[in-house]
C-alpha atoms as a PDB file:
ATOM      1  CA  MET A   1    -118.782 -64.863  -7.666  1.00  0.00           C
ATOM      2  CA  TYR A   2    -120.932 -65.531 -10.684  1.00  0.00           C
ATOM      3  CA  THR A   3    -122.792 -68.738 -11.360  1.00  0.00           C
ATOM      4  CA  ALA A   4    -122.640 -70.345 -14.788  1.00  0.00           C
ATOM      5  CA  GLU A   5    -126.300 -69.409 -15.312  1.00  0.00           C
ATOM      6  CA  LYS A   6    -125.616 -65.751 -14.464  1.00  0.00           C
ATOM      7  CA  LEU A   7    -122.589 -65.612 -16.781  1.00  0.00           C
ATOM      8  CA  ALA A   8    -124.554 -67.296 -19.570  1.00  0.00           C
ATOM      9  CA  THR A   9    -127.271 -64.652 -19.175  1.00  0.00           C
ATOM     10  CA  ILE A  10    -124.715 -61.840 -19.193  1.00  0.00           C
ATOM     11  CA  PHE A  11    -122.963 -63.206 -22.277  1.00  0.00           C
ATOM     12  CA  GLY A  12    -126.165 -64.133 -24.068  1.00  0.00           C
ATOM     13  CA  CYS A  13    -125.273 -67.788 -24.498  1.00  0.00           C
ATOM     14  CA  THR A  14    -126.109 -71.140 -22.913  1.00  0.00           C
ATOM     15  CA  VAL A  15    -124.417 -72.808 -19.959  1.00  0.00           C
ATOM     16  CA  SER A  16    -123.197 -75.588 -22.266  1.00  0.00           C
ATOM     17  CA  ASP A  17    -121.544 -72.936 -24.475  1.00  0.00           C
ATOM     18  CA  LEU A  18    -119.754 -71.565 -21.420  1.00  0.00           C
ATOM     19  CA  MET A  19    -118.662 -75.050 -20.399  1.00  0.00           C
ATOM     20  CA  ALA A  20    -117.216 -75.645 -23.876  1.00  0.00           C
ATOM     21  CA  ILE A  21    -115.306 -72.355 -23.697  1.00  0.00           C
ATOM     22  CA  ASN A  22    -114.042 -73.264 -20.238  1.00  0.00           C
ATOM     23  CA  ARG A  23    -112.841 -76.658 -21.515  1.00  0.00           C
ATOM     24  CA  GLU A  24    -110.895 -74.912 -24.289  1.00  0.00           C
ATOM     25  CA  ILE A  25    -109.293 -72.531 -21.809  1.00  0.00           C
ATOM     26  CA  LEU A  26    -108.364 -75.403 -19.498  1.00  0.00           C
ATOM     27  CA  LYS A  27    -106.891 -77.334 -22.435  1.00  0.00           C
ATOM     28  CA  SER A  28    -104.819 -74.293 -23.369  1.00  0.00           C
ATOM     29  CA  HIS A  29    -103.274 -74.263 -19.899  1.00  0.00           C
ATOM     30  CA  GLN A  30    -102.005 -77.786 -20.532  1.00  0.00           C
ATOM     31  CA  THR A  31    -100.199 -76.781 -23.729  1.00  0.00           C
ATOM     32  CA  PRO A  32     -97.789 -73.845 -23.290  1.00  0.00           C
ATOM     33  CA  HIS A  33     -98.043 -72.593 -26.884  1.00  0.00           C
ATOM     34  CA  ALA A  34    -101.842 -72.456 -26.698  1.00  0.00           C
ATOM     35  CA  VAL A  35    -101.861 -69.959 -23.796  1.00  0.00           C
ATOM     36  CA  SER A  36    -101.268 -67.156 -26.296  1.00  0.00           C
ATOM     37  CA  ALA A  37    -104.610 -68.028 -27.900  1.00  0.00           C
ATOM     38  CA  ILE A  38    -106.601 -67.194 -24.753  1.00  0.00           C
ATOM     39  CA  PRO A  39    -106.796 -63.410 -25.364  1.00  0.00           C
ATOM     40  CA  GLU A  40    -107.867 -64.085 -28.944  1.00  0.00           C
ATOM     41  CA  LEU A  41    -110.555 -66.508 -27.753  1.00  0.00           C
ATOM     42  CA  VAL A  42    -111.798 -64.018 -25.142  1.00  0.00           C
ATOM     43  CA  GLY A  43    -111.786 -61.295 -27.791  1.00  0.00           C
ATOM     44  CA  HIS A  44    -113.960 -63.416 -30.060  1.00  0.00           C
ATOM     45  CA  ILE A  45    -116.401 -64.064 -27.241  1.00  0.00           C
ATOM     46  CA  LEU A  46    -116.606 -60.366 -26.381  1.00  0.00           C
ATOM     47  CA  GLU A  47    -117.220 -59.409 -30.010  1.00  0.00           C
ATOM     48  CA  TYR A  48    -120.656 -61.026 -29.701  1.00  0.00           C
ATOM     49  CA  ILE A  49    -121.677 -59.381 -26.443  1.00  0.00           C
ATOM     50  CA  PRO A  50    -123.807 -56.259 -26.938  1.00  0.00           C
ATOM     51  CA  SER A  51    -122.228 -53.038 -25.657  1.00  0.00           C
ATOM     52  CA  ASN A  52    -125.000 -52.544 -23.111  1.00  0.00           C
ATOM     53  CA  ASN A  53    -123.880 -55.812 -21.390  1.00  0.00           C
ATOM     54  CA  PHE A  54    -120.358 -54.480 -20.808  1.00  0.00           C
ATOM     55  CA  GLY A  55    -119.681 -53.433 -17.243  1.00  0.00           C
ATOM     56  CA  PRO A  56    -117.500 -54.073 -14.220  1.00  0.00           C
ATOM     57  CA  HIS A  57    -118.771 -57.667 -13.973  1.00  0.00           C
ATOM     58  CA  LEU A  58    -116.881 -58.522 -17.184  1.00  0.00           C
ATOM     59  CA  LEU A  59    -113.695 -56.965 -15.914  1.00  0.00           C
ATOM     60  CA  GLU A  60    -113.686 -59.040 -12.728  1.00  0.00           C
ATOM     61  CA  VAL A  61    -113.301 -62.319 -14.614  1.00  0.00           C
ATOM     62  CA  SER A  62    -109.564 -61.844 -15.220  1.00  0.00           C
ATOM     63  CA  PRO A  63    -107.008 -59.294 -16.456  1.00  0.00           C
ATOM     64  CA  ILE A  64    -107.278 -60.889 -19.903  1.00  0.00           C
ATOM     65  CA  TRP A  65    -111.029 -60.242 -19.994  1.00  0.00           C
ATOM     66  CA  LYS A  66    -110.453 -56.633 -18.906  1.00  0.00           C
ATOM     67  CA  ALA A  67    -107.819 -56.001 -21.565  1.00  0.00           C
ATOM     68  CA  GLU A  68    -109.871 -57.643 -24.307  1.00  0.00           C
ATOM     69  CA  ALA A  69    -113.070 -55.858 -23.221  1.00  0.00           C
ATOM     70  CA  GLY A  70    -111.227 -52.553 -23.537  1.00  0.00           C
ATOM     71  CA  ARG A  71    -109.859 -53.459 -26.950  1.00  0.00           C
ATOM     72  CA  VAL A  72    -113.306 -54.546 -28.204  1.00  0.00           C
ATOM     73  CA  LEU A  73    -115.089 -51.434 -26.909  1.00  0.00           C
ATOM     74  CA  TRP A  74    -112.512 -49.000 -28.281  1.00  0.00           C
ATOM     75  CA  LYS A  75    -112.630 -50.785 -31.649  1.00  0.00           C
ATOM     76  CA  ARG A  76    -116.445 -50.504 -31.669  1.00  0.00           C
ATOM     77  CA  HIS A  77    -116.201 -46.866 -30.656  1.00  0.00           C
ATOM     78  CA  LYS A  78    -113.802 -45.993 -33.470  1.00  0.00           C
ATOM     79  CA  LYS A  79    -116.096 -47.666 -36.009  1.00  0.00           C
ATOM     80  CA  ALA A  80    -119.221 -46.014 -34.537  1.00  0.00           C
ATOM     81  CA  GLU A  81    -117.504 -42.632 -34.560  1.00  0.00           C
ATOM     82  CA  GLU A  82    -116.598 -43.053 -38.244  1.00  0.00           C
ATOM     83  CA  VAL A  83    -120.135 -44.148 -39.160  1.00  0.00           C
ATOM     84  CA  TYR A  84    -121.647 -41.235 -37.243  1.00  0.00           C
ATOM     85  CA  SER A  85    -119.248 -38.784 -38.876  1.00  0.00           C
ATOM     86  CA  GLN A  86    -120.282 -40.070 -42.331  1.00  0.00           C
ATOM     87  CA  ALA A  87    -123.969 -39.758 -41.432  1.00  0.00           C
ATOM     88  CA  ALA A  88    -123.387 -36.220 -40.116  1.00  0.00           C
ATOM     89  CA  ASN A  89    -121.667 -35.216 -43.375  1.00  0.00           C
ATOM     90  CA  ILE A  90    -124.504 -36.675 -45.477  1.00  0.00           C
ATOM     91  CA  CYS A  91    -126.992 -34.856 -43.255  1.00  0.00           C
ATOM     92  CA  LYS A  92    -125.142 -31.559 -43.659  1.00  0.00           C
ATOM     93  CA  LYS A  93    -125.221 -31.922 -47.461  1.00  0.00           C
ATOM     94  CA  ALA A  94    -128.937 -32.819 -47.470  1.00  0.00           C
ATOM     95  CA  GLU A  95    -129.758 -29.826 -45.273  1.00  0.00           C
ATOM     96  CA  ARG A  96    -127.714 -27.553 -47.562  1.00  0.00           C
ATOM     97  CA  ALA A  97    -129.587 -28.863 -50.607  1.00  0.00           C
ATOM     98  CA  PHE A  98    -132.910 -28.332 -48.834  1.00  0.00           C
ATOM     99  CA  TRP A  99    -132.119 -24.700 -47.925  1.00  0.00           C
ATOM    100  CA  ARG A 100    -130.752 -23.956 -51.409  1.00  0.00           C
ATOM    101  CA  ASP A 101    -134.011 -25.238 -52.863  1.00  0.00           C
ATOM    102  CA  CYS A 102    -135.999 -23.073 -50.437  1.00  0.00           C
ATOM    103  CA  ALA A 103    -133.961 -20.050 -51.537  1.00  0.00           C
ATOM    104  CA  ASP A 104    -134.707 -20.929 -55.168  1.00  0.00           C
ATOM    105  CA  GLY A 105    -138.462 -20.999 -54.589  1.00  0.00           C
ATOM    106  CA  GLY A 106    -138.944 -24.489 -53.160  1.00  0.00           C
ATOM    107  CA  ILE A 107    -139.333 -26.334 -56.482  1.00  0.00           C
ATOM    108  CA  ASN A 108    -138.332 -29.685 -54.909  1.00  0.00           C
ATOM    109  CA  PHE A 109    -139.539 -28.873 -51.393  1.00  0.00           C
ATOM    110  CA  ASP A 110    -141.481 -32.102 -50.721  1.00  0.00           C
ATOM    111  CA  LYS A 111    -138.792 -34.396 -52.082  1.00  0.00           C
ATOM    112  CA  LEU A 112    -135.917 -32.652 -50.326  1.00  0.00           C
ATOM    113  CA  SER A 113    -137.741 -32.271 -47.011  1.00  0.00           C
ATOM    114  CA  GLY A 114    -138.453 -36.027 -47.014  1.00  0.00           C
ATOM    115  CA  GLU A 115    -134.828 -36.806 -47.794  1.00  0.00           C
ATOM    116  CA  ALA A 116    -133.624 -34.386 -45.111  1.00  0.00           C
ATOM    117  CA  GLU A 117    -135.878 -35.998 -42.496  1.00  0.00           C
ATOM    118  CA  LYS A 118    -134.570 -39.438 -43.420  1.00  0.00           C
ATOM    119  CA  VAL A 119    -130.882 -38.473 -43.143  1.00  0.00           C
ATOM    120  CA  ILE A 120    -131.479 -36.552 -39.908  1.00  0.00           C
ATOM    121  CA  GLN A 121    -133.032 -39.696 -38.404  1.00  0.00           C
ATOM    122  CA  GLU A 122    -130.097 -41.778 -39.661  1.00  0.00           C
ATOM    123  CA  LYS A 123    -127.678 -39.303 -38.056  1.00  0.00           C
ATOM    124  CA  ARG A 124    -129.554 -39.538 -34.730  1.00  0.00           C
ATOM    125  CA  THR A 125    -129.566 -43.343 -34.903  1.00  0.00           C
ATOM    126  CA  ARG A 126    -125.821 -43.514 -35.553  1.00  0.00           C
ATOM    127  CA  PHE A 127    -125.155 -40.974 -32.805  1.00  0.00           C
ATOM    128  CA  GLY A 128    -127.216 -43.070 -30.382  1.00  0.00           C
ATOM    129  CA  GLU A 129    -125.212 -46.187 -31.221  1.00  0.00           C
ATOM    130  CA  MET A 130    -122.000 -44.306 -30.543  1.00  0.00           C
ATOM    131  CA  ALA A 131    -123.365 -42.861 -27.277  1.00  0.00           C
ATOM    132  CA  PHE A 132    -124.286 -46.340 -25.995  1.00  0.00           C
ATOM    133  CA  ILE A 133    -120.755 -47.596 -26.689  1.00  0.00           C
ATOM    134  CA  GLU A 134    -119.366 -44.543 -24.904  1.00  0.00           C
ATOM    135  CA  GLN A 135    -121.573 -45.358 -21.915  1.00  0.00           C
ATOM    136  CA  ALA A 136    -120.106 -48.871 -21.824  1.00  0.00           C
ATOM    137  CA  ILE A 137    -116.583 -47.396 -21.953  1.00  0.00           C
ATOM    138  CA  LEU A 138    -117.461 -45.120 -19.038  1.00  0.00           C
ATOM    139  CA  ARG A 139    -119.169 -47.940 -17.087  1.00  0.00           C
ATOM    140  CA  CYS A 140    -116.033 -50.063 -17.419  1.00  0.00           C
ATOM    141  CA  SER A 141    -113.819 -47.112 -16.418  1.00  0.00           C
ATOM    142  CA  PHE A 142    -111.744 -47.340 -19.600  1.00  0.00           C
ATOM    143  CA  ILE A 143    -111.902 -43.558 -19.588  1.00  0.00           C
ATOM    144  CA  SER A 144    -112.230 -41.271 -16.601  1.00  0.00           C
ATOM    145  CA  GLU A 145    -111.824 -37.631 -15.809  1.00  0.00           C
ATOM    146  CA  GLU A 146    -108.346 -38.404 -14.443  1.00  0.00           C
ATOM    147  CA  ILE A 147    -107.256 -40.393 -17.525  1.00  0.00           C
ATOM    148  CA  ASN A 148    -108.484 -37.960 -20.200  1.00  0.00           C
ATOM    149  CA  LYS A 149    -110.677 -35.121 -18.983  1.00  0.00           C
ATOM    150  CA  GLY A 150    -111.569 -33.806 -22.451  1.00  0.00           C
ATOM    151  CA  GLU A 151    -112.653 -37.182 -23.815  1.00  0.00           C
ATOM    152  CA  TYR A 152    -114.510 -37.976 -20.597  1.00  0.00           C
ATOM    153  CA  ILE A 153    -116.475 -34.715 -20.740  1.00  0.00           C
ATOM    154  CA  ARG A 154    -117.239 -35.219 -24.450  1.00  0.00           C
ATOM    155  CA  MET A 155    -118.584 -38.725 -23.805  1.00  0.00           C
ATOM    156  CA  MET A 156    -120.692 -37.539 -20.861  1.00  0.00           C
ATOM    157  CA  ARG A 157    -122.063 -34.689 -22.986  1.00  0.00           C
ATOM    158  CA  ASN A 158    -122.808 -37.049 -25.885  1.00  0.00           C
ATOM    159  CA  PHE A 159    -124.855 -39.321 -23.659  1.00  0.00           C
ATOM    160  CA  GLU A 160    -126.805 -36.349 -22.272  1.00  0.00           C
ATOM    161  CA  LEU A 161    -127.412 -35.047 -25.802  1.00  0.00           C
ATOM    162  CA  HIS A 162    -128.624 -38.483 -26.887  1.00  0.00           C
ATOM    163  CA  LYS A 163    -131.006 -38.724 -23.910  1.00  0.00           C
ATOM    164  CA  ASP A 164    -132.456 -35.358 -24.987  1.00  0.00           C
ATOM    165  CA  GLY A 165    -132.797 -36.537 -28.614  1.00  0.00           C
ATOM    166  CA  ASP A 166    -130.081 -34.192 -29.835  1.00  0.00           C
ATOM    167  CA  THR A 167    -126.762 -34.645 -31.604  1.00  0.00           C
ATOM    168  CA  PRO A 168    -123.605 -32.528 -31.308  1.00  0.00           C
ATOM    169  CA  ASP A 169    -122.571 -30.008 -33.897  1.00  0.00           C
ATOM    170  CA  GLU A 170    -120.364 -31.477 -36.592  1.00  0.00           C
ATOM    171  CA  ASP A 171    -117.498 -29.453 -35.087  1.00  0.00           C
ATOM    172  CA  ALA A 172    -117.319 -32.034 -32.254  1.00  0.00           C
ATOM    173  CA  PHE A 173    -115.550 -34.444 -34.632  1.00  0.00           C
ATOM    174  CA  GLY A 174    -113.077 -32.039 -36.097  1.00  0.00           C
ATOM    175  CA  ASP A 175    -115.259 -30.785 -38.933  1.00  0.00           C
ATOM    176  CA  SER A 176    -115.297 -27.061 -39.393  1.00  0.00           C
ATOM    177  CA  ASP A 177    -117.848 -24.726 -40.843  1.00  0.00           C
ATOM    178  CA  ASP A 178    -115.348 -23.966 -43.581  1.00  0.00           C
ATOM    179  CA  ASP A 179    -116.668 -25.824 -46.619  1.00  0.00           C
ATOM    180  CA  SER A 180    -113.748 -24.960 -48.903  1.00  0.00           C
ATOM    181  CA  ASP A 181    -112.689 -28.604 -49.057  1.00  0.00           C
ATOM    182  CA  ASP A 182    -116.220 -29.846 -49.835  1.00  0.00           C
ATOM    183  CA  PRO A 183    -116.224 -30.980 -53.483  1.00  0.00           C
ATOM    184  CA  ASP A 184    -120.045 -31.020 -53.582  1.00  0.00           C
ATOM    185  CA  ASP A 185    -120.310 -27.356 -52.689  1.00  0.00           C
ATOM    186  CA  GLU A 186    -120.996 -25.293 -55.801  1.00  0.00           C
ATOM    187  CA  GLU A 187    -120.602 -21.935 -54.051  1.00  0.00           C
END
């Protein structure tokens, strides 16, 4: 059982905030049509909780909390995956430009190496954000080896890569080394 103080710490709010939320939930039980608003209310609360605070303790509150926690984490994951994929594509283009310049004698070497470093760091940052969300998904058991072995292994690998300061190859998100559909490729 969690105390109000413990829950407030977990959720990053005050005890009075929790009491106000509890009053709203209790009121909704008194009006039948308002019960449908509880998942939405829980969803809004969970939107403000950092991914690293997600864990089994949230899921024990009620089935509604568990369902909404899953929805929130998967929504965050989809967004993080898209943002990482964009950063990886920008990084690939910057690296290509850098190596083309090197092949042409390195006329813009300093400028392009600085830009490449910046986009590589951005790619690592975005990958780290995605890996932390994946850890929360794993901690909450929203994915397991039994549910989806491939996705489970990919998430475990991503977290290990992130711990080592690495990122996966772009192929991990369905990109291929075939650049024929890349409009920025002059080759």
